[in-house]
Amino acid sequence: MPVMSVTPTPEERIIAAAAAMLGRKGGLAKSAKKTHAVRANGKKGGRPPQDPNTPAPSKMAEYQRRHRARVKAAKKAKAK
């Protein structure tokens, strides 16, 4: 697929629309294996509950940055 320019040409728009339709169709695919796996997981109790102490994915990068800074400061303080 060609790299899209800043202003897509009509040809690029058609290609993008076709790719979106194919991706949507693939995402809706059901198979016997998926059905079996879903039922087996449901019998085990389903998806586990979310840990309330875990930060949201959007906040994860900020959380990791602050954590690294705290660890670095603690190491520096311990070295003195």
C-alpha atoms as a PDB file:
ATOM      1  CA  MET A   1       0.000   0.000   0.000  1.00  0.00           C
ATOM      2  CA  PRO A   2       1.425   3.407  -0.881  1.00  0.00           C
ATOM      3  CA  VAL A   3       2.311   5.853   1.862  1.00  0.00           C
ATOM      4  CA  MET A   4      -0.547   8.307   2.330  1.00  0.00           C
ATOM      5  CA  SER A   5       0.205  11.938   1.568  1.00  0.00           C
ATOM      6  CA  VAL A   6      -0.984  14.873   3.677  1.00  0.00           C
ATOM      7  CA  THR A   7      -4.059  15.295   1.470  1.00  0.00           C
ATOM      8  CA  PRO A   8      -5.206  11.843   0.411  1.00  0.00           C
ATOM      9  CA  THR A   9      -6.010  11.335  -3.227  1.00  0.00           C
ATOM     10  CA  PRO A  10      -9.328   9.716  -4.189  1.00  0.00           C
ATOM     11  CA  GLU A  11      -7.413   6.502  -4.886  1.00  0.00           C
ATOM     12  CA  GLU A  12      -5.887   6.537  -1.373  1.00  0.00           C
ATOM     13  CA  ARG A  13      -9.325   7.151   0.167  1.00  0.00           C
ATOM     14  CA  ILE A  14     -10.739   4.120  -1.642  1.00  0.00           C
ATOM     15  CA  ILE A  15      -7.818   1.955  -0.496  1.00  0.00           C
ATOM     16  CA  ALA A  16      -8.190   3.170   3.103  1.00  0.00           C
ATOM     17  CA  ALA A  17     -11.944   2.507   3.080  1.00  0.00           C
ATOM     18  CA  ALA A  18     -11.422  -0.993   1.696  1.00  0.00           C
ATOM     19  CA  ALA A  19      -8.768  -1.738   4.325  1.00  0.00           C
ATOM     20  CA  ALA A  20     -11.093  -0.497   7.072  1.00  0.00           C
ATOM     21  CA  MET A  21     -13.923  -2.708   5.840  1.00  0.00           C
ATOM     22  CA  LEU A  22     -11.661  -5.765   5.686  1.00  0.00           C
ATOM     23  CA  GLY A  23     -10.300  -5.090   9.173  1.00  0.00           C
ATOM     24  CA  ARG A  24     -13.802  -4.657  10.573  1.00  0.00           C
ATOM     25  CA  LYS A  25     -14.909  -7.936   9.016  1.00  0.00           C
ATOM     26  CA  GLY A  26     -11.856  -9.745  10.399  1.00  0.00           C
ATOM     27  CA  GLY A  27     -12.460  -8.332  13.879  1.00  0.00           C
ATOM     28  CA  LEU A  28     -15.988  -9.716  13.883  1.00  0.00           C
ATOM     29  CA  ALA A  29     -14.815 -13.200  12.901  1.00  0.00           C
ATOM     30  CA  LYS A  30     -16.056 -16.076  15.041  1.00  0.00           C
ATOM     31  CA  SER A  31     -14.521 -19.501  15.021  1.00  0.00           C
ATOM     32  CA  ALA A  32     -15.213 -22.758  16.793  1.00  0.00           C
ATOM     33  CA  LYS A  33     -11.941 -22.398  18.724  1.00  0.00           C
ATOM     34  CA  LYS A  34     -12.888 -18.919  19.965  1.00  0.00           C
ATOM     35  CA  THR A  35     -16.327 -20.096  21.009  1.00  0.00           C
ATOM     36  CA  HIS A  36     -14.865 -23.065  22.879  1.00  0.00           C
ATOM     37  CA  ALA A  37     -12.260 -20.883  24.636  1.00  0.00           C
ATOM     38  CA  VAL A  38     -14.877 -18.334  25.711  1.00  0.00           C
ATOM     39  CA  ARG A  39     -17.141 -21.006  27.163  1.00  0.00           C
ATOM     40  CA  ALA A  40     -14.233 -22.701  28.969  1.00  0.00           C
ATOM     41  CA  ASN A  41     -13.144 -19.375  30.507  1.00  0.00           C
ATOM     42  CA  GLY A  42     -16.735 -18.662  31.535  1.00  0.00           C
ATOM     43  CA  LYS A  43     -16.903 -21.969  33.405  1.00  0.00           C
ATOM     44  CA  LYS A  44     -13.762 -20.958  35.324  1.00  0.00           C
ATOM     45  CA  GLY A  45     -15.436 -17.753  36.462  1.00  0.00           C
ATOM     46  CA  GLY A  46     -14.724 -15.461  33.531  1.00  0.00           C
ATOM     47  CA  ARG A  47     -12.387 -12.514  33.440  1.00  0.00           C
ATOM     48  CA  PRO A  48     -10.767 -11.752  36.819  1.00  0.00           C
ATOM     49  CA  PRO A  49     -11.754  -8.500  38.553  1.00  0.00           C
ATOM     50  CA  GLN A  50      -9.607  -5.456  37.861  1.00  0.00           C
ATOM     51  CA  ASP A  51      -7.112  -4.535  40.601  1.00  0.00           C
ATOM     52  CA  PRO A  52      -8.144  -1.068  41.867  1.00  0.00           C
ATOM     53  CA  ASN A  53      -4.497  -0.234  42.710  1.00  0.00           C
ATOM     54  CA  THR A  54      -3.358  -0.653  39.098  1.00  0.00           C
ATOM     55  CA  PRO A  55      -3.243   2.670  37.253  1.00  0.00           C
ATOM     56  CA  ALA A  56      -5.236   3.057  34.043  1.00  0.00           C
ATOM     57  CA  PRO A  57      -3.272   2.286  30.839  1.00  0.00           C
ATOM     58  CA  SER A  58      -3.325   5.957  29.828  1.00  0.00           C
ATOM     59  CA  LYS A  59      -1.648   6.882  33.105  1.00  0.00           C
ATOM     60  CA  MET A  60       0.838   3.993  33.070  1.00  0.00           C
ATOM     61  CA  ALA A  61       3.676   5.885  31.339  1.00  0.00           C
ATOM     62  CA  GLU A  62       3.443   8.750  33.838  1.00  0.00           C
ATOM     63  CA  TYR A  63       3.320   6.279  36.740  1.00  0.00           C
ATOM     64  CA  GLN A  64       6.437   4.465  35.440  1.00  0.00           C
ATOM     65  CA  ARG A  65       8.327   7.732  34.972  1.00  0.00           C
ATOM     66  CA  ARG A  66       7.583   8.843  38.533  1.00  0.00           C
ATOM     67  CA  HIS A  67       8.452   5.399  39.898  1.00  0.00           C
ATOM     68  CA  ARG A  68      11.835   5.411  38.144  1.00  0.00           C
ATOM     69  CA  ALA A  69      12.535   8.879  39.562  1.00  0.00           C
ATOM     70  CA  ARG A  70      11.679   7.708  43.109  1.00  0.00           C
ATOM     71  CA  VAL A  71      13.898   4.619  42.773  1.00  0.00           C
ATOM     72  CA  LYS A  72      16.765   6.721  41.429  1.00  0.00           C
ATOM     73  CA  ALA A  73      16.410   9.221  44.295  1.00  0.00           C
ATOM     74  CA  ALA A  74      16.326   6.418  46.853  1.00  0.00           C
ATOM     75  CA  LYS A  75      19.503   4.877  45.431  1.00  0.00           C
ATOM     76  CA  LYS A  76      21.236   8.263  45.471  1.00  0.00           C
ATOM     77  CA  ALA A  77      20.183   8.877  49.096  1.00  0.00           C
ATOM     78  CA  LYS A  78      21.356   5.413  50.132  1.00  0.00           C
ATOM     79  CA  ALA A  79      24.752   5.935  48.483  1.00  0.00           C
ATOM     80  CA  LYS A  80      25.440   9.077  50.576  1.00  0.00           C
END
